[in-house]
Protein backbone atom coordinates (compact mmCIF):
# COMPACT_ATOMS: atom_id res chain seq x y z
CA MET A 1 0.08 -17.82 6.80
CA ASP A 2 1.40 -16.72 10.19
CA PHE A 3 -0.29 -13.59 11.47
CA ASN A 4 -1.30 -12.21 14.82
CA SER A 5 -4.22 -9.88 14.07
CA ASP A 6 -3.73 -8.11 17.41
CA ALA A 7 -0.46 -6.68 16.02
CA VAL A 8 -2.31 -4.15 13.82
CA PHE A 9 -3.72 -2.47 16.92
CA GLY A 10 -0.23 -1.70 18.27
CA PHE A 11 0.97 0.32 15.28
CA ALA A 12 1.62 4.06 15.55
CA TYR A 13 -1.31 5.40 13.54
CA ASN A 14 -1.50 9.17 13.06
CA GLN A 15 -4.13 11.39 14.72
CA SER A 16 -6.60 10.41 11.98
CA GLY A 17 -6.07 6.70 12.66
CA LEU A 18 -4.04 6.19 9.48
CA ILE A 19 -0.66 4.72 8.64
CA PRO A 20 1.26 5.23 5.35
CA ALA A 21 1.65 2.13 3.21
CA ILE A 22 4.42 2.00 0.62
CA VAL A 23 3.58 -0.51 -2.11
CA GLN A 24 6.50 -2.18 -3.89
CA SER A 25 6.66 -4.67 -6.73
CA ALA A 26 7.79 -8.06 -5.41
CA GLU A 27 9.48 -8.75 -8.76
CA SER A 28 11.26 -5.52 -9.69
CA LYS A 29 11.40 -3.97 -6.18
CA ARG A 30 10.20 -0.71 -7.74
CA VAL A 31 8.05 1.52 -5.53
CA LEU A 32 4.62 1.58 -7.12
CA MET A 33 2.63 3.88 -4.87
CA MET A 34 1.96 5.23 -1.40
CA ALA A 35 -1.49 5.13 0.12
CA TRP A 36 -3.07 5.28 3.55
CA MET A 37 -4.43 2.41 5.63
CA ASN A 38 -6.44 2.27 8.80
CA GLN A 39 -6.87 -0.79 11.01
CA GLU A 40 -9.93 -1.94 9.07
CA SER A 41 -8.27 -1.68 5.65
CA LEU A 42 -5.15 -3.45 6.91
CA LEU A 43 -7.18 -6.33 8.33
CA LYS A 44 -9.21 -6.49 5.09
CA THR A 45 -5.96 -6.57 3.07
CA ILE A 46 -4.75 -9.54 5.09
CA GLU A 47 -8.14 -11.28 4.82
CA LEU A 48 -8.40 -10.84 1.02
CA GLY A 49 -4.71 -11.13 0.15
CA GLU A 50 -5.13 -7.98 -1.98
CA THR A 51 -4.48 -4.36 -1.08
CA VAL A 52 -7.30 -2.37 0.48
CA PHE A 53 -6.61 1.23 1.40
CA TYR A 54 -8.41 4.07 3.12
CA SER A 55 -9.45 6.94 0.84
CA ARG A 56 -9.21 10.23 2.71
CA SER A 57 -11.17 12.09 0.02
CA ARG A 58 -14.06 9.60 0.04
CA ASN A 59 -13.75 8.72 3.72
CA ALA A 60 -14.14 5.05 2.80
CA LEU A 61 -12.23 1.85 2.14
CA TRP A 62 -10.79 1.44 -1.34
CA HIS A 63 -10.02 -2.04 -2.73
CA LYS A 64 -7.24 -1.45 -5.27
CA GLY A 65 -8.34 -2.71 -8.68
CA GLU A 66 -12.01 -3.06 -7.76
CA THR A 67 -13.05 -0.92 -10.74
CA SER A 68 -9.89 -0.95 -12.91
CA GLY A 69 -9.02 -4.62 -12.56
CA ASN A 70 -5.45 -3.65 -11.60
CA VAL A 71 -5.37 -5.61 -8.36
CA GLN A 72 -2.33 -6.03 -6.17
CA LYS A 73 -1.84 -9.51 -4.70
CA VAL A 74 -0.01 -9.22 -1.38
CA VAL A 75 3.24 -11.14 -0.96
CA SER A 76 4.33 -9.61 2.36
CA ILE A 77 3.62 -6.76 4.75
CA GLU A 78 6.42 -5.35 6.88
CA VAL A 79 6.30 -2.65 9.51
CA ASP A 80 9.19 -0.24 10.05
CA CYS A 81 11.20 0.09 13.27
CA ASP A 82 8.93 2.84 14.66
CA SER A 83 5.73 0.97 13.77
CA ASP A 84 4.52 4.05 11.86
CA ALA A 85 4.85 2.93 8.22
CA LEU A 86 4.17 -0.23 6.23
CA LEU A 87 6.00 -1.77 3.28
CA ILE A 88 3.73 -4.00 1.20
CA GLN A 89 5.24 -6.16 -1.52
CA VAL A 90 2.79 -7.19 -4.22
CA HIS A 91 2.35 -8.99 -7.52
CA GLU A 92 0.58 -6.37 -9.61
CA THR A 93 -1.80 -7.07 -12.50
CA GLY A 94 -1.57 -3.72 -14.24
CA PRO A 95 -0.52 -0.14 -13.63
CA ALA A 96 -0.54 1.07 -10.03
CA CYS A 97 -1.29 4.68 -10.88
CA HIS A 98 -4.72 6.02 -11.80
CA ASN A 99 -2.92 7.86 -14.64
CA GLY A 100 -2.16 4.50 -16.25
CA THR A 101 1.55 4.44 -15.43
CA GLU A 102 3.36 1.54 -13.79
CA SER A 103 4.20 3.67 -10.75
CA CYS A 104 2.69 6.78 -9.20
CA PHE A 105 6.27 8.08 -9.21
CA ASP A 106 6.47 8.24 -13.01
CA THR A 107 5.33 11.87 -13.23
CA ALA A 108 8.49 13.89 -12.60
CA THR A 109 12.02 13.55 -11.24
CA LEU A 110 12.75 16.26 -8.70
CA PHE A 111 16.45 15.50 -8.27
CA GLU A 112 18.85 12.99 -9.78
CA VAL A 113 22.62 12.67 -9.49
CA GLN A 114 24.27 12.56 -12.90
CA ASP A 115 27.34 10.34 -13.35
């Protein structure tokens, strides 16, 4: 695996030291969830090869699937052109959402163009 760990320190984290991470299925390309990462969780994600996020409500790291078993194995991590958002492609082993749905975006459709 090619990775320069110094790169994570150059990202445009927000005032709380966080960066949004969009998680996408490597197979279906469906967006599964959005969560926050800090430098520590990003480095831990790379070290483990599984997603680790930062929980703002608990003020702690959160290893996805640690209690549910629904881990996300990382395939790739990309940074956007402004270095202020991440796209993480994963192989998932269960639902991404704590509600038990495949995606956290399965709750409601706000707008959809009808053919």
